[in-house]
Amino acid sequence: MASIVWDDKFKTGNNKIDNEHRKLIDLINQLSDAMQAGKGKEVCGKVLGDLINYTKTHFAMEEQLMATHSYERMTEHKAEHAKLVQEVLDFQTKFNAGAVTLSVALFTFLKDWLVNHIMKSDMALAHGIAK
């Protein structure tokens, strides 16, 4: 059972953003599924790597949209992206150093961050560039 189920409340109205958010949710759900199967530690490193790679692509796309549409909250939104990247890199450092209980903390962080970011910042972004 997936921990985050995509539904209409996550739709920003921008298909490109929404499709990429679905991929991010899939990554988080991979970690959740592995944890439920008792394999969180085995999957954690892969999910971290995939997340780092994919957020670069996703954030670059969102930031290009912001620049193209002269989005007024671009600086603040980009700072949120940078903070997430740094926090995920910190999780990766801890994982590579042998932290054994990291998967639960990572999952909780990612789920909370993504849901809050979509519901607040990305909704505002989608509405701001739709003007």
C-alpha atoms as a PDB file:
ATOM      1  CA  MET A   1       0.000   0.000   0.000  1.00  0.00           C
ATOM      2  CA  ALA A   2       1.392   3.378  -1.029  1.00  0.00           C
ATOM      3  CA  SER A   3       1.932   5.944   1.689  1.00  0.00           C
ATOM      4  CA  ILE A   4       1.081   8.892  -0.520  1.00  0.00           C
ATOM      5  CA  VAL A   5      -1.776   8.401  -2.932  1.00  0.00           C
ATOM      6  CA  TRP A   6      -1.976  10.893  -5.766  1.00  0.00           C
ATOM      7  CA  ASP A   7      -5.343  12.601  -5.902  1.00  0.00           C
ATOM      8  CA  ASP A   8      -6.883  15.858  -7.065  1.00  0.00           C
ATOM      9  CA  LYS A   9      -5.760  17.802  -4.003  1.00  0.00           C
ATOM     10  CA  PHE A  10      -2.197  17.603  -5.350  1.00  0.00           C
ATOM     11  CA  LYS A  11      -3.062  18.903  -8.819  1.00  0.00           C
ATOM     12  CA  THR A  12      -1.556  22.298  -9.482  1.00  0.00           C
ATOM     13  CA  GLY A  13      -3.254  22.667 -12.850  1.00  0.00           C
ATOM     14  CA  ASN A  14       0.094  22.510 -14.649  1.00  0.00           C
ATOM     15  CA  ASN A  15       0.430  19.072 -16.256  1.00  0.00           C
ATOM     16  CA  LYS A  16       4.225  19.151 -16.425  1.00  0.00           C
ATOM     17  CA  ILE A  17       4.562  19.988 -12.732  1.00  0.00           C
ATOM     18  CA  ASP A  18       1.890  17.438 -11.792  1.00  0.00           C
ATOM     19  CA  ASN A  19       3.523  14.634 -13.799  1.00  0.00           C
ATOM     20  CA  GLU A  20       6.869  15.302 -12.166  1.00  0.00           C
ATOM     21  CA  HIS A  21       5.278  15.396  -8.718  1.00  0.00           C
ATOM     22  CA  ARG A  22       3.818  11.948  -9.411  1.00  0.00           C
ATOM     23  CA  LYS A  23       7.365  10.683 -10.050  1.00  0.00           C
ATOM     24  CA  LEU A  24       8.583  12.202  -6.779  1.00  0.00           C
ATOM     25  CA  ILE A  25       5.690  10.566  -4.932  1.00  0.00           C
ATOM     26  CA  ASP A  26       6.615   7.254  -6.576  1.00  0.00           C
ATOM     27  CA  LEU A  27      10.149   7.572  -5.189  1.00  0.00           C
ATOM     28  CA  ILE A  28       8.849   8.219  -1.684  1.00  0.00           C
ATOM     29  CA  ASN A  29       6.454   5.294  -2.006  1.00  0.00           C
ATOM     30  CA  GLN A  30       9.324   3.008  -3.056  1.00  0.00           C
ATOM     31  CA  LEU A  31      10.953   3.770   0.273  1.00  0.00           C
ATOM     32  CA  SER A  32       7.674   3.196   2.112  1.00  0.00           C
ATOM     33  CA  ASP A  33       7.098  -0.140   0.383  1.00  0.00           C
ATOM     34  CA  ALA A  34      10.639  -1.263   1.186  1.00  0.00           C
ATOM     35  CA  MET A  35      10.235  -0.266   4.813  1.00  0.00           C
ATOM     36  CA  GLN A  36       6.977  -2.231   5.064  1.00  0.00           C
ATOM     37  CA  ALA A  37       8.803  -5.238   3.624  1.00  0.00           C
ATOM     38  CA  GLY A  38      11.642  -4.825   6.147  1.00  0.00           C
ATOM     39  CA  LYS A  39      14.090  -3.683   3.454  1.00  0.00           C
ATOM     40  CA  GLY A  40      14.221   0.051   4.139  1.00  0.00           C
ATOM     41  CA  LYS A  41      17.966   0.131   4.656  1.00  0.00           C
ATOM     42  CA  GLU A  42      18.633  -1.764   1.415  1.00  0.00           C
ATOM     43  CA  VAL A  43      16.480   0.648  -0.623  1.00  0.00           C
ATOM     44  CA  CYS A  44      17.340   3.873   1.202  1.00  0.00           C
ATOM     45  CA  GLY A  45      20.613   4.496  -0.662  1.00  0.00           C
ATOM     46  CA  LYS A  46      19.020   3.992  -4.066  1.00  0.00           C
ATOM     47  CA  VAL A  47      16.050   6.217  -3.231  1.00  0.00           C
ATOM     48  CA  LEU A  48      18.405   8.939  -1.983  1.00  0.00           C
ATOM     49  CA  GLY A  49      20.441   8.804  -5.190  1.00  0.00           C
ATOM     50  CA  ASP A  50      17.350   8.768  -7.384  1.00  0.00           C
ATOM     51  CA  LEU A  51      15.815  11.608  -5.429  1.00  0.00           C
ATOM     52  CA  ILE A  52      18.932  13.760  -5.676  1.00  0.00           C
ATOM     53  CA  ASN A  53      19.111  13.196  -9.428  1.00  0.00           C
ATOM     54  CA  TYR A  54      15.422  13.702 -10.073  1.00  0.00           C
ATOM     55  CA  THR A  55      14.992  16.797  -7.918  1.00  0.00           C
ATOM     56  CA  LYS A  56      17.752  18.489  -9.926  1.00  0.00           C
ATOM     57  CA  THR A  57      15.732  17.934 -13.095  1.00  0.00           C
ATOM     58  CA  HIS A  58      12.395  18.804 -11.496  1.00  0.00           C
ATOM     59  CA  PHE A  59      13.631  21.915  -9.735  1.00  0.00           C
ATOM     60  CA  ALA A  60      15.406  23.130 -12.882  1.00  0.00           C
ATOM     61  CA  MET A  61      12.131  22.786 -14.798  1.00  0.00           C
ATOM     62  CA  GLU A  62      10.153  24.678 -12.141  1.00  0.00           C
ATOM     63  CA  GLU A  63      12.811  27.373 -11.907  1.00  0.00           C
ATOM     64  CA  GLN A  64      12.804  27.787 -15.683  1.00  0.00           C
ATOM     65  CA  LEU A  65       9.024  28.270 -15.551  1.00  0.00           C
ATOM     66  CA  MET A  66       9.482  30.859 -12.812  1.00  0.00           C
ATOM     67  CA  ALA A  67      12.056  32.763 -14.852  1.00  0.00           C
ATOM     68  CA  THR A  68      10.006  32.580 -18.043  1.00  0.00           C
ATOM     69  CA  HIS A  69       6.931  33.957 -16.289  1.00  0.00           C
ATOM     70  CA  SER A  70       8.794  36.433 -14.033  1.00  0.00           C
ATOM     71  CA  TYR A  71       7.304  34.719 -10.999  1.00  0.00           C
ATOM     72  CA  GLU A  72       7.322  37.201  -8.125  1.00  0.00           C
ATOM     73  CA  ARG A  73       8.155  34.621  -5.431  1.00  0.00           C
ATOM     74  CA  MET A  74      10.990  33.000  -7.394  1.00  0.00           C
ATOM     75  CA  THR A  75      13.736  33.765  -4.870  1.00  0.00           C
ATOM     76  CA  GLU A  76      11.758  32.294  -1.973  1.00  0.00           C
ATOM     77  CA  HIS A  77      10.727  29.224  -3.979  1.00  0.00           C
ATOM     78  CA  LYS A  78      14.276  28.562  -5.177  1.00  0.00           C
ATOM     79  CA  ALA A  79      15.465  28.811  -1.557  1.00  0.00           C
ATOM     80  CA  GLU A  80      13.001  26.051  -0.601  1.00  0.00           C
ATOM     81  CA  HIS A  81      14.421  23.887  -3.382  1.00  0.00           C
ATOM     82  CA  ALA A  82      17.998  24.538  -2.259  1.00  0.00           C
ATOM     83  CA  LYS A  83      17.095  23.691   1.333  1.00  0.00           C
ATOM     84  CA  LEU A  84      15.546  20.361   0.300  1.00  0.00           C
ATOM     85  CA  VAL A  85      18.575  19.443  -1.806  1.00  0.00           C
ATOM     86  CA  GLN A  86      20.898  20.221   1.112  1.00  0.00           C
ATOM     87  CA  GLU A  87      18.805  18.226   3.567  1.00  0.00           C
ATOM     88  CA  VAL A  88      18.674  15.221   1.238  1.00  0.00           C
ATOM     89  CA  LEU A  89      22.443  15.456   0.743  1.00  0.00           C
ATOM     90  CA  ASP A  90      22.781  15.494   4.557  1.00  0.00           C
ATOM     91  CA  PHE A  91      20.638  12.325   4.737  1.00  0.00           C
ATOM     92  CA  GLN A  92      22.875  10.750   2.091  1.00  0.00           C
ATOM     93  CA  THR A  93      25.996  11.629   4.080  1.00  0.00           C
ATOM     94  CA  LYS A  94      24.495  10.029   7.191  1.00  0.00           C
ATOM     95  CA  PHE A  95      23.434   6.973   5.214  1.00  0.00           C
ATOM     96  CA  ASN A  96      26.905   6.576   3.701  1.00  0.00           C
ATOM     97  CA  ALA A  97      28.373   6.868   7.219  1.00  0.00           C
ATOM     98  CA  GLY A  98      26.311   3.866   8.297  1.00  0.00           C
ATOM     99  CA  ALA A  99      23.248   5.355   9.993  1.00  0.00           C
ATOM    100  CA  VAL A 100      20.932   2.394  10.522  1.00  0.00           C
ATOM    101  CA  THR A 101      17.637   4.081  11.408  1.00  0.00           C
ATOM    102  CA  LEU A 102      17.656   6.561   8.590  1.00  0.00           C
ATOM    103  CA  SER A 103      14.848   5.181   6.403  1.00  0.00           C
ATOM    104  CA  VAL A 104      12.027   6.162   8.808  1.00  0.00           C
ATOM    105  CA  ALA A 105      13.418   9.671   9.329  1.00  0.00           C
ATOM    106  CA  LEU A 106      13.993  10.100   5.593  1.00  0.00           C
ATOM    107  CA  PHE A 107      10.517   8.885   4.725  1.00  0.00           C
ATOM    108  CA  THR A 108       8.856  11.179   7.277  1.00  0.00           C
ATOM    109  CA  PHE A 109      10.891  14.169   6.118  1.00  0.00           C
ATOM    110  CA  LEU A 110      10.218  13.559   2.413  1.00  0.00           C
ATOM    111  CA  LYS A 111       6.521  12.938   2.858  1.00  0.00           C
ATOM    112  CA  ASP A 112       6.018  16.053   4.968  1.00  0.00           C
ATOM    113  CA  TRP A 113       8.177  18.234   2.739  1.00  0.00           C
ATOM    114  CA  LEU A 114       6.623  17.116  -0.515  1.00  0.00           C
ATOM    115  CA  VAL A 115       3.021  17.355   0.622  1.00  0.00           C
ATOM    116  CA  ASN A 116       3.576  20.788   2.190  1.00  0.00           C
ATOM    117  CA  HIS A 117       5.614  22.051  -0.762  1.00  0.00           C
ATOM    118  CA  ILE A 118       3.037  20.922  -3.324  1.00  0.00           C
ATOM    119  CA  MET A 119       0.073  22.205  -1.335  1.00  0.00           C
ATOM    120  CA  LYS A 120       1.604  25.610  -0.643  1.00  0.00           C
ATOM    121  CA  SER A 121       4.534  26.686  -2.787  1.00  0.00           C
ATOM    122  CA  ASP A 122       3.805  24.758  -5.974  1.00  0.00           C
ATOM    123  CA  MET A 123       0.113  25.638  -5.929  1.00  0.00           C
ATOM    124  CA  ALA A 124       1.117  29.301  -5.631  1.00  0.00           C
ATOM    125  CA  LEU A 125       3.647  28.841  -8.430  1.00  0.00           C
ATOM    126  CA  ALA A 126       1.139  27.232 -10.796  1.00  0.00           C
ATOM    127  CA  HIS A 127      -1.389  29.988 -10.137  1.00  0.00           C
ATOM    128  CA  GLY A 128       1.291  32.677 -10.404  1.00  0.00           C
ATOM    129  CA  ILE A 129       2.507  31.572 -13.831  1.00  0.00           C
ATOM    130  CA  ALA A 130      -1.039  30.978 -15.139  1.00  0.00           C
ATOM    131  CA  LYS A 131      -1.825  34.700 -15.028  1.00  0.00           C
END
